[in-house]
Amino acid sequence: MTQTSPTSFTIDDLKAAMLACAGAAENVNLGDDISDVPFVDLGYDSLAVLEVAAKLQNHLGVLIPDDVAEQLPTPRALADYVNVRLTS
C-alpha cells in the first residue's frame, strides 16, 4: 500500500503533533485559536518546537531544518512553512 502525502496542513494537524510531542502546559488550551500565539507563550521552548518539527518531517516528508524551525515564532508560521513545501 502506497502512502500519499497530504496536500495541505492545518493548525488542527499541528495541534495534534504538538500534543503528541510535548503535550500542553496547564495554563494553555490548545482548543483555543493558537494560530498567532508565540510558541513560547504556549509553553513550547525551542527544544519542544524542534521535536514537533522532527515529527512533522517524519510524518509528512517535509524538510524543516533546525535553524528554520527555531525562527518560526507561531503555529501559523510553522503551518505556512509546511504548506509551501507540501505544494512545491
PDB file of N, CA and C in Angstrom:
ATOM      1  N   MET A   1       0.849  -1.184   0.000  1.00  0.00           N
ATOM      2  CA  MET A   1       0.000   0.000   0.000  1.00  0.00           C
ATOM      3  C   MET A   1       0.888   1.239   0.000  1.00  0.00           C
ATOM      4  N   THR A   2       0.632   2.136  -0.906  1.00  0.00           N
ATOM      5  CA  THR A   2       1.408   3.360  -1.015  1.00  0.00           C
ATOM      6  C   THR A   2       0.748   4.459  -0.201  1.00  0.00           C
ATOM      7  N   GLN A   3       1.552   5.122   0.612  1.00  0.00           N
ATOM      8  CA  GLN A   3       1.038   6.230   1.410  1.00  0.00           C
ATOM      9  C   GLN A   3       1.235   7.514   0.626  1.00  0.00           C
ATOM     10  N   THR A   4       0.183   8.300   0.491  1.00  0.00           N
ATOM     11  CA  THR A   4       0.289   9.569  -0.208  1.00  0.00           C
ATOM     12  C   THR A   4       0.438  10.687   0.797  1.00  0.00           C
ATOM     13  N   SER A   5       1.159  11.707   0.395  1.00  0.00           N
ATOM     14  CA  SER A   5       1.347  12.861   1.267  1.00  0.00           C
ATOM     15  C   SER A   5       0.132  13.766   1.181  1.00  0.00           C
ATOM     16  N   PRO A   6      -0.234  14.379   2.297  1.00  0.00           N
ATOM     17  CA  PRO A   6      -1.338  15.336   2.248  1.00  0.00           C
ATOM     18  C   PRO A   6      -0.941  16.551   1.422  1.00  0.00           C
ATOM     19  N   THR A   7      -1.943  17.242   0.897  1.00  0.00           N
ATOM     20  CA  THR A   7      -1.655  18.435   0.102  1.00  0.00           C
ATOM     21  C   THR A   7      -1.846  19.707   0.901  1.00  0.00           C
ATOM     22  N   SER A   8      -2.365  19.583   2.113  1.00  0.00           N
ATOM     23  CA  SER A   8      -2.474  20.757   2.978  1.00  0.00           C
ATOM     24  C   SER A   8      -2.289  20.325   4.427  1.00  0.00           C
ATOM     25  N   PHE A   9      -1.899  21.282   5.222  1.00  0.00           N
ATOM     26  CA  PHE A   9      -1.595  21.048   6.626  1.00  0.00           C
ATOM     27  C   PHE A   9      -2.271  22.151   7.416  1.00  0.00           C
ATOM     28  N   THR A  10      -3.100  21.780   8.380  1.00  0.00           N
ATOM     29  CA  THR A  10      -3.888  22.760   9.119  1.00  0.00           C
ATOM     30  C   THR A  10      -3.335  22.994  10.523  1.00  0.00           C
ATOM     31  N   ILE A  11      -3.841  24.031  11.142  1.00  0.00           N
ATOM     32  CA  ILE A  11      -3.490  24.298  12.539  1.00  0.00           C
ATOM     33  C   ILE A  11      -3.938  23.130  13.417  1.00  0.00           C
ATOM     34  N   ASP A  12      -5.074  22.530  13.111  1.00  0.00           N
ATOM     35  CA  ASP A  12      -5.518  21.363  13.881  1.00  0.00           C
ATOM     36  C   ASP A  12      -4.544  20.198  13.734  1.00  0.00           C
ATOM     37  N   ASP A  13      -3.998  20.007  12.528  1.00  0.00           N
ATOM     38  CA  ASP A  13      -2.970  18.979  12.329  1.00  0.00           C
ATOM     39  C   ASP A  13      -1.751  19.285  13.198  1.00  0.00           C
ATOM     40  N   LEU A  14      -1.381  20.555  13.239  1.00  0.00           N
ATOM     41  CA  LEU A  14      -0.228  20.963  14.044  1.00  0.00           C
ATOM     42  C   LEU A  14      -0.508  20.768  15.532  1.00  0.00           C
ATOM     43  N   LYS A  15      -1.712  21.112  15.975  1.00  0.00           N
ATOM     44  CA  LYS A  15      -2.072  20.910  17.384  1.00  0.00           C
ATOM     45  C   LYS A  15      -1.914  19.443  17.770  1.00  0.00           C
ATOM     46  N   ALA A  16      -2.345  18.541  16.897  1.00  0.00           N
ATOM     47  CA  ALA A  16      -2.228  17.108  17.177  1.00  0.00           C
ATOM     48  C   ALA A  16      -0.762  16.711  17.328  1.00  0.00           C
ATOM     49  N   ALA A  17       0.088  17.231  16.454  1.00  0.00           N
ATOM     50  CA  ALA A  17       1.524  16.935  16.543  1.00  0.00           C
ATOM     51  C   ALA A  17       2.117  17.522  17.820  1.00  0.00           C
ATOM     52  N   MET A  18       1.698  18.729  18.174  1.00  0.00           N
ATOM     53  CA  MET A  18       2.202  19.366  19.388  1.00  0.00           C
ATOM     54  C   MET A  18       1.829  18.553  20.620  1.00  0.00           C
ATOM     55  N   LEU A  19       0.584  18.114  20.682  1.00  0.00           N
ATOM     56  CA  LEU A  19       0.142  17.315  21.828  1.00  0.00           C
ATOM     57  C   LEU A  19       0.871  15.984  21.889  1.00  0.00           C
ATOM     58  N   ALA A  20       1.105  15.368  20.738  1.00  0.00           N
ATOM     59  CA  ALA A  20       1.798  14.081  20.700  1.00  0.00           C
ATOM     60  C   ALA A  20       3.245  14.212  21.156  1.00  0.00           C
ATOM     61  N   CYS A  21       3.856  15.337  20.864  1.00  0.00           N
ATOM     62  CA  CYS A  21       5.275  15.523  21.196  1.00  0.00           C
ATOM     63  C   CYS A  21       5.497  16.006  22.617  1.00  0.00           C
ATOM     64  N   ALA A  22       4.815  17.061  22.984  1.00  0.00           N
ATOM     65  CA  ALA A  22       5.142  17.716  24.246  1.00  0.00           C
ATOM     66  C   ALA A  22       3.937  17.986  25.130  1.00  0.00           C
ATOM     67  N   GLY A  23       2.754  17.653  24.663  1.00  0.00           N
ATOM     68  CA  GLY A  23       1.573  17.946  25.464  1.00  0.00           C
ATOM     69  C   GLY A  23       1.283  19.437  25.476  1.00  0.00           C
ATOM     70  N   ALA A  24       0.556  19.863  26.474  1.00  0.00           N
ATOM     71  CA  ALA A  24       0.207  21.277  26.599  1.00  0.00           C
ATOM     72  C   ALA A  24       0.436  21.714  28.035  1.00  0.00           C
ATOM     73  N   ALA A  25       0.890  22.934  28.183  1.00  0.00           N
ATOM     74  CA  ALA A  25       1.063  23.497  29.519  1.00  0.00           C
ATOM     75  C   ALA A  25      -0.307  23.587  30.195  1.00  0.00           C
ATOM     76  N   GLU A  26      -0.319  23.501  31.507  1.00  0.00           N
ATOM     77  CA  GLU A  26      -1.579  23.515  32.247  1.00  0.00           C
ATOM     78  C   GLU A  26      -2.411  24.762  31.983  1.00  0.00           C
ATOM     79  N   ASN A  27      -1.759  25.890  31.769  1.00  0.00           N
ATOM     80  CA  ASN A  27      -2.483  27.147  31.589  1.00  0.00           C
ATOM     81  C   ASN A  27      -2.788  27.445  30.127  1.00  0.00           C
ATOM     82  N   VAL A  28      -2.531  26.485  29.225  1.00  0.00           N
ATOM     83  CA  VAL A  28      -2.750  26.695  27.798  1.00  0.00           C
ATOM     84  C   VAL A  28      -3.823  25.739  27.311  1.00  0.00           C
ATOM     85  N   ASN A  29      -4.795  26.290  26.594  1.00  0.00           N
ATOM     86  CA  ASN A  29      -5.843  25.478  25.997  1.00  0.00           C
ATOM     87  C   ASN A  29      -5.594  25.429  24.496  1.00  0.00           C
ATOM     88  N   LEU A  30      -5.091  24.296  24.011  1.00  0.00           N
ATOM     89  CA  LEU A  30      -4.830  24.182  22.579  1.00  0.00           C
ATOM     90  C   LEU A  30      -6.121  24.114  21.773  1.00  0.00           C
ATOM     91  N   GLY A  31      -7.258  24.039  22.451  1.00  0.00           N
ATOM     92  CA  GLY A  31      -8.539  24.099  21.763  1.00  0.00           C
ATOM     93  C   GLY A  31      -8.867  25.510  21.304  1.00  0.00           C
ATOM     94  N   ASP A  32      -8.215  26.493  21.911  1.00  0.00           N
ATOM     95  CA  ASP A  32      -8.404  27.885  21.501  1.00  0.00           C
ATOM     96  C   ASP A  32      -7.692  28.137  20.180  1.00  0.00           C
ATOM     97  N   ASP A  33      -7.930  29.303  19.588  1.00  0.00           N
ATOM     98  CA  ASP A  33      -7.214  29.681  18.369  1.00  0.00           C
ATOM     99  C   ASP A  33      -5.798  30.081  18.766  1.00  0.00           C
ATOM    100  N   ILE A  34      -4.856  29.223  18.448  1.00  0.00           N
ATOM    101  CA  ILE A  34      -3.461  29.460  18.823  1.00  0.00           C
ATOM    102  C   ILE A  34      -2.616  29.902  17.635  1.00  0.00           C
ATOM    103  N   SER A  35      -3.242  30.136  16.504  1.00  0.00           N
ATOM    104  CA  SER A  35      -2.514  30.394  15.257  1.00  0.00           C
ATOM    105  C   SER A  35      -1.410  31.426  15.392  1.00  0.00           C
ATOM    106  N   ASP A  36      -1.705  32.531  16.051  1.00  0.00           N
ATOM    107  CA  ASP A  36      -0.748  33.632  16.122  1.00  0.00           C
ATOM    108  C   ASP A  36      -0.153  33.835  17.516  1.00  0.00           C
ATOM    109  N   VAL A  37      -0.317  32.849  18.378  1.00  0.00           N
ATOM    110  CA  VAL A  37       0.261  32.910  19.717  1.00  0.00           C
ATOM    111  C   VAL A  37       1.689  32.366  19.635  1.00  0.00           C
ATOM    112  N   PRO A  38       2.670  33.132  20.083  1.00  0.00           N
ATOM    113  CA  PRO A  38       4.051  32.638  20.030  1.00  0.00           C
ATOM    114  C   PRO A  38       4.195  31.292  20.751  1.00  0.00           C
ATOM    115  N   PHE A  39       5.017  30.416  20.170  1.00  0.00           N
ATOM    116  CA  PHE A  39       5.241  29.106  20.790  1.00  0.00           C
ATOM    117  C   PHE A  39       5.647  29.240  22.250  1.00  0.00           C
ATOM    118  N   VAL A  40       6.490  30.208  22.549  1.00  0.00           N
ATOM    119  CA  VAL A  40       6.959  30.378  23.929  1.00  0.00           C
ATOM    120  C   VAL A  40       5.787  30.667  24.870  1.00  0.00           C
ATOM    121  N   ASP A  41       4.784  31.415  24.403  1.00  0.00           N
ATOM    122  CA  ASP A  41       3.609  31.703  25.229  1.00  0.00           C
ATOM    123  C   ASP A  41       2.711  30.479  25.389  1.00  0.00           C
ATOM    124  N   LEU A  42       2.889  29.495  24.506  1.00  0.00           N
ATOM    125  CA  LEU A  42       2.140  28.242  24.599  1.00  0.00           C
ATOM    126  C   LEU A  42       2.870  27.215  25.467  1.00  0.00           C
ATOM    127  N   GLY A  43       4.036  27.619  25.985  1.00  0.00           N
ATOM    128  CA  GLY A  43       4.816  26.722  26.822  1.00  0.00           C
ATOM    129  C   GLY A  43       5.766  25.829  26.045  1.00  0.00           C
ATOM    130  N   TYR A  44       5.979  26.151  24.769  1.00  0.00           N
ATOM    131  CA  TYR A  44       6.883  25.363  23.926  1.00  0.00           C
ATOM    132  C   TYR A  44       8.194  26.114  23.757  1.00  0.00           C
ATOM    133  N   ASP A  45       9.249  25.582  24.371  1.00  0.00           N
ATOM    134  CA  ASP A  45      10.566  26.180  24.189  1.00  0.00           C
ATOM    135  C   ASP A  45      11.143  25.689  22.860  1.00  0.00           C
ATOM    136  N   SER A  46      12.349  26.129  22.543  1.00  0.00           N
ATOM    137  CA  SER A  46      12.926  25.786  21.242  1.00  0.00           C
ATOM    138  C   SER A  46      13.103  24.278  21.081  1.00  0.00           C
ATOM    139  N   LEU A  47      13.416  23.576  22.149  1.00  0.00           N
ATOM    140  CA  LEU A  47      13.573  22.125  22.066  1.00  0.00           C
ATOM    141  C   LEU A  47      12.244  21.449  21.720  1.00  0.00           C
ATOM    142  N   ALA A  48      11.160  21.913  22.319  1.00  0.00           N
ATOM    143  CA  ALA A  48       9.840  21.350  22.024  1.00  0.00           C
ATOM    144  C   ALA A  48       9.444  21.624  20.576  1.00  0.00           C
ATOM    145  N   VAL A  49       9.749  22.817  20.077  1.00  0.00           N
ATOM    146  CA  VAL A  49       9.441  23.148  18.680  1.00  0.00           C
ATOM    147  C   VAL A  49      10.255  22.256  17.746  1.00  0.00           C
ATOM    148  N   LEU A  50      11.522  22.015  18.078  1.00  0.00           N
ATOM    149  CA  LEU A  50      12.349  21.125  17.257  1.00  0.00           C
ATOM    150  C   LEU A  50      11.785  19.705  17.258  1.00  0.00           C
ATOM    151  N   GLU A  51      11.265  19.267  18.383  1.00  0.00           N
ATOM    152  CA  GLU A  51      10.662  17.935  18.462  1.00  0.00           C
ATOM    153  C   GLU A  51       9.418  17.850  17.576  1.00  0.00           C
ATOM    154  N   VAL A  52       8.601  18.891  17.599  1.00  0.00           N
ATOM    155  CA  VAL A  52       7.415  18.930  16.738  1.00  0.00           C
ATOM    156  C   VAL A  52       7.840  18.939  15.271  1.00  0.00           C
ATOM    157  N   ALA A  53       8.835  19.749  14.936  1.00  0.00           N
ATOM    158  CA  ALA A  53       9.316  19.816  13.554  1.00  0.00           C
ATOM    159  C   ALA A  53       9.831  18.454  13.091  1.00  0.00           C
ATOM    160  N   ALA A  54      10.544  17.750  13.957  1.00  0.00           N
ATOM    161  CA  ALA A  54      11.053  16.417  13.602  1.00  0.00           C
ATOM    162  C   ALA A  54       9.904  15.444  13.355  1.00  0.00           C
ATOM    163  N   LYS A  55       8.868  15.530  14.170  1.00  0.00           N
ATOM    164  CA  LYS A  55       7.701  14.664  13.978  1.00  0.00           C
ATOM    165  C   LYS A  55       7.043  14.963  12.638  1.00  0.00           C
ATOM    166  N   LEU A  56       6.911  16.236  12.305  1.00  0.00           N
ATOM    167  CA  LEU A  56       6.298  16.606  11.029  1.00  0.00           C
ATOM    168  C   LEU A  56       7.145  16.121   9.859  1.00  0.00           C
ATOM    169  N   GLN A  57       8.457  16.252   9.978  1.00  0.00           N
ATOM    170  CA  GLN A  57       9.345  15.767   8.915  1.00  0.00           C
ATOM    171  C   GLN A  57       9.137  14.274   8.688  1.00  0.00           C
ATOM    172  N   ASN A  58       9.098  13.510   9.770  1.00  0.00           N
ATOM    173  CA  ASN A  58       8.931  12.060   9.657  1.00  0.00           C
ATOM    174  C   ASN A  58       7.565  11.681   9.111  1.00  0.00           C
ATOM    175  N   HIS A  59       6.542  12.396   9.534  1.00  0.00           N
ATOM    176  CA  HIS A  59       5.174  12.067   9.141  1.00  0.00           C
ATOM    177  C   HIS A  59       4.833  12.558   7.734  1.00  0.00           C
ATOM    178  N   LEU A  60       5.303  13.746   7.387  1.00  0.00           N
ATOM    179  CA  LEU A  60       4.916  14.359   6.115  1.00  0.00           C
ATOM    180  C   LEU A  60       5.990  14.296   5.040  1.00  0.00           C
ATOM    181  N   GLY A  61       7.222  14.015   5.446  1.00  0.00           N
ATOM    182  CA  GLY A  61       8.307  14.002   4.470  1.00  0.00           C
ATOM    183  C   GLY A  61       8.737  15.383   4.026  1.00  0.00           C
ATOM    184  N   VAL A  62       8.474  16.375   4.864  1.00  0.00           N
ATOM    185  CA  VAL A  62       8.825  17.765   4.566  1.00  0.00           C
ATOM    186  C   VAL A  62      10.068  18.132   5.369  1.00  0.00           C
ATOM    187  N   LEU A  63      11.088  18.637   4.697  1.00  0.00           N
ATOM    188  CA  LEU A  63      12.311  19.040   5.385  1.00  0.00           C
ATOM    189  C   LEU A  63      12.092  20.356   6.127  1.00  0.00           C
ATOM    190  N   ILE A  64      12.354  20.334   7.433  1.00  0.00           N
ATOM    191  CA  ILE A  64      12.290  21.542   8.260  1.00  0.00           C
ATOM    192  C   ILE A  64      13.613  21.610   9.016  1.00  0.00           C
ATOM    193  N   PRO A  65      14.599  22.316   8.465  1.00  0.00           N
ATOM    194  CA  PRO A  65      15.894  22.406   9.147  1.00  0.00           C
ATOM    195  C   PRO A  65      15.746  23.020  10.545  1.00  0.00           C
ATOM    196  N   ASP A  66      16.593  22.575  11.465  1.00  0.00           N
ATOM    197  CA  ASP A  66      16.524  23.072  12.840  1.00  0.00           C
ATOM    198  C   ASP A  66      16.603  24.590  12.909  1.00  0.00           C
ATOM    199  N   ASP A  67      17.513  25.189  12.128  1.00  0.00           N
ATOM    200  CA  ASP A  67      17.655  26.647  12.192  1.00  0.00           C
ATOM    201  C   ASP A  67      16.404  27.354  11.695  1.00  0.00           C
ATOM    202  N   VAL A  68      15.685  26.735  10.766  1.00  0.00           N
ATOM    203  CA  VAL A  68      14.425  27.314  10.287  1.00  0.00           C
ATOM    204  C   VAL A  68      13.350  27.155  11.358  1.00  0.00           C
ATOM    205  N   ALA A  69      13.229  25.965  11.913  1.00  0.00           N
ATOM    206  CA  ALA A  69      12.207  25.714  12.936  1.00  0.00           C
ATOM    207  C   ALA A  69      12.343  26.682  14.105  1.00  0.00           C
ATOM    208  N   GLU A  70      13.578  26.970  14.484  1.00  0.00           N
ATOM    209  CA  GLU A  70      13.811  27.883  15.605  1.00  0.00           C
ATOM    210  C   GLU A  70      13.402  29.318  15.286  1.00  0.00           C
ATOM    211  N   GLN A  71      13.285  29.661  14.013  1.00  0.00           N
ATOM    212  CA  GLN A  71      12.934  31.022  13.614  1.00  0.00           C
ATOM    213  C   GLN A  71      11.441  31.200  13.336  1.00  0.00           C
ATOM    214  N   LEU A  72      10.675  30.125  13.386  1.00  0.00           N
ATOM    215  CA  LEU A  72       9.234  30.206  13.139  1.00  0.00           C
ATOM    216  C   LEU A  72       8.546  30.465  14.474  1.00  0.00           C
ATOM    217  N   PRO A  73       8.039  31.688  14.684  1.00  0.00           N
ATOM    218  CA  PRO A  73       7.600  32.083  16.024  1.00  0.00           C
ATOM    219  C   PRO A  73       6.226  31.579  16.460  1.00  0.00           C
ATOM    220  N   THR A  74       5.367  31.220  15.499  1.00  0.00           N
ATOM    221  CA  THR A  74       3.986  30.880  15.843  1.00  0.00           C
ATOM    222  C   THR A  74       3.534  29.619  15.107  1.00  0.00           C
ATOM    223  N   PRO A  75       2.462  28.999  15.580  1.00  0.00           N
ATOM    224  CA  PRO A  75       1.906  27.863  14.846  1.00  0.00           C
ATOM    225  C   PRO A  75       1.549  28.214  13.396  1.00  0.00           C
ATOM    226  N   ARG A  76       1.003  29.397  13.157  1.00  0.00           N
ATOM    227  CA  ARG A  76       0.666  29.779  11.784  1.00  0.00           C
ATOM    228  C   ARG A  76       1.921  29.816  10.912  1.00  0.00           C
ATOM    229  N   ALA A  77       3.001  30.357  11.434  1.00  0.00           N
ATOM    230  CA  ALA A  77       4.242  30.428  10.660  1.00  0.00           C
ATOM    231  C   ALA A  77       4.744  29.028  10.314  1.00  0.00           C
ATOM    232  N   LEU A  78       4.674  28.102  11.260  1.00  0.00           N
ATOM    233  CA  LEU A  78       5.110  26.732  11.002  1.00  0.00           C
ATOM    234  C   LEU A  78       4.177  26.046  10.009  1.00  0.00           C
ATOM    235  N   ALA A  79       2.873  26.201  10.186  1.00  0.00           N
ATOM    236  CA  ALA A  79       1.913  25.590   9.257  1.00  0.00           C
ATOM    237  C   ALA A  79       2.084  26.157   7.848  1.00  0.00           C
ATOM    238  N   ASP A  80       2.287  27.462   7.734  1.00  0.00           N
ATOM    239  CA  ASP A  80       2.508  28.075   6.419  1.00  0.00           C
ATOM    240  C   ASP A  80       3.768  27.522   5.771  1.00  0.00           C
ATOM    241  N   TYR A  81       4.833  27.380   6.551  1.00  0.00           N
ATOM    242  CA  TYR A  81       6.094  26.835   6.042  1.00  0.00           C
ATOM    243  C   TYR A  81       5.869  25.422   5.497  1.00  0.00           C
ATOM    244  N   VAL A  82       5.174  24.595   6.274  1.00  0.00           N
ATOM    245  CA  VAL A  82       4.899  23.219   5.848  1.00  0.00           C
ATOM    246  C   VAL A  82       4.042  23.215   4.587  1.00  0.00           C
ATOM    247  N   ASN A  83       3.007  24.041   4.543  1.00  0.00           N
ATOM    248  CA  ASN A  83       2.117  24.065   3.380  1.00  0.00           C
ATOM    249  C   ASN A  83       2.834  24.465   2.102  1.00  0.00           C
ATOM    250  N   VAL A  84       3.737  25.422   2.183  1.00  0.00           N
ATOM    251  CA  VAL A  84       4.501  25.821   0.995  1.00  0.00           C
ATOM    252  C   VAL A  84       5.299  24.629   0.478  1.00  0.00           C
ATOM    253  N   ARG A  85       5.899  23.872   1.384  1.00  0.00           N
ATOM    254  CA  ARG A  85       6.713  22.725   0.967  1.00  0.00           C
ATOM    255  C   ARG A  85       5.865  21.561   0.471  1.00  0.00           C
ATOM    256  N   LEU A  86       4.660  21.407   0.993  1.00  0.00           N
ATOM    257  CA  LEU A  86       3.777  20.340   0.523  1.00  0.00           C
ATOM    258  C   LEU A  86       3.294  20.587  -0.901  1.00  0.00           C
ATOM    259  N   THR A  87       3.159  21.851  -1.251  1.00  0.00           N
ATOM    260  CA  THR A  87       2.617  22.179  -2.574  1.00  0.00           C
ATOM    261  C   THR A  87       3.688  22.475  -3.606  1.00  0.00           C
ATOM    262  N   SER A  88       4.956  22.405  -3.213  1.00  0.00           N
ATOM    263  CA  SER A  88       6.007  22.703  -4.196  1.00  0.00           C
ATOM    264  C   SER A  88       6.662  21.443  -4.717  1.00  0.00           C
TER     265      SER A  88
END
